[in-house]
Amino acid sequence: MSVTNPVAGIIDTRVLGKPNHFSGREQEFQDFKFQVIVYCGLLEAELPPMMKISAQQEKEINMGPLTADQQNKAKMLYYILAMLTSKKAARLVRKEENTMNGFEVWRKMMNRYEPKHGARYMSLLNEVLNPTFDQKLEEYEDGLLSWEQKVMDYEDASGEKVSDNTM
């Protein structure tokens, strides 16, 4: 089933710009991930759901079983990630230089920067349970938005909802 992109051809990505480069600093990954998913969605509506599926895979994603269309999308994602990474993150991308399999690169990036294990969940939960808010009104709102995002990140990663009983 093909998903049409309602904004394809309407938005000029040359004017819109590209996401910021990602060098591999862990604290920058959440923003990079969000921007790349949105950017890919602007270019190709099917890419974000395919990226989500790729990130959930435990085993290596090979190009062989993919359809020609899926292989083209994997290469598109590879090119995007190659252009938007540097340093340590770019080395991770270059490991797939022979296959240009962007889905495998994305899977590896997600495993590296958002691993699925208890220690990560505990760290996220700790950030949720111990928020820090600035006393200045302008900064307080940003801190609150950041905390709400951490709650969503924890819930997405762990599959568990934060309830009043958790707090």
Foldseek 3Di string as FASTA:
>chain_A
DADDQPCVPVDDCVVVDADAAAAPPLVCVVVVVVRLLVVLCNHGVPQNVLLVVLLPDPDADDPVVDDPVQLVSQLVLLVSQCVRYHHPLNVLSCVCVPSSGNSRSSNVVCCVNPNQDDVSLVVLLVCLVDFDADPDPVRRVVSVVVSVVSQVVSCVRVVDHDDPVSD
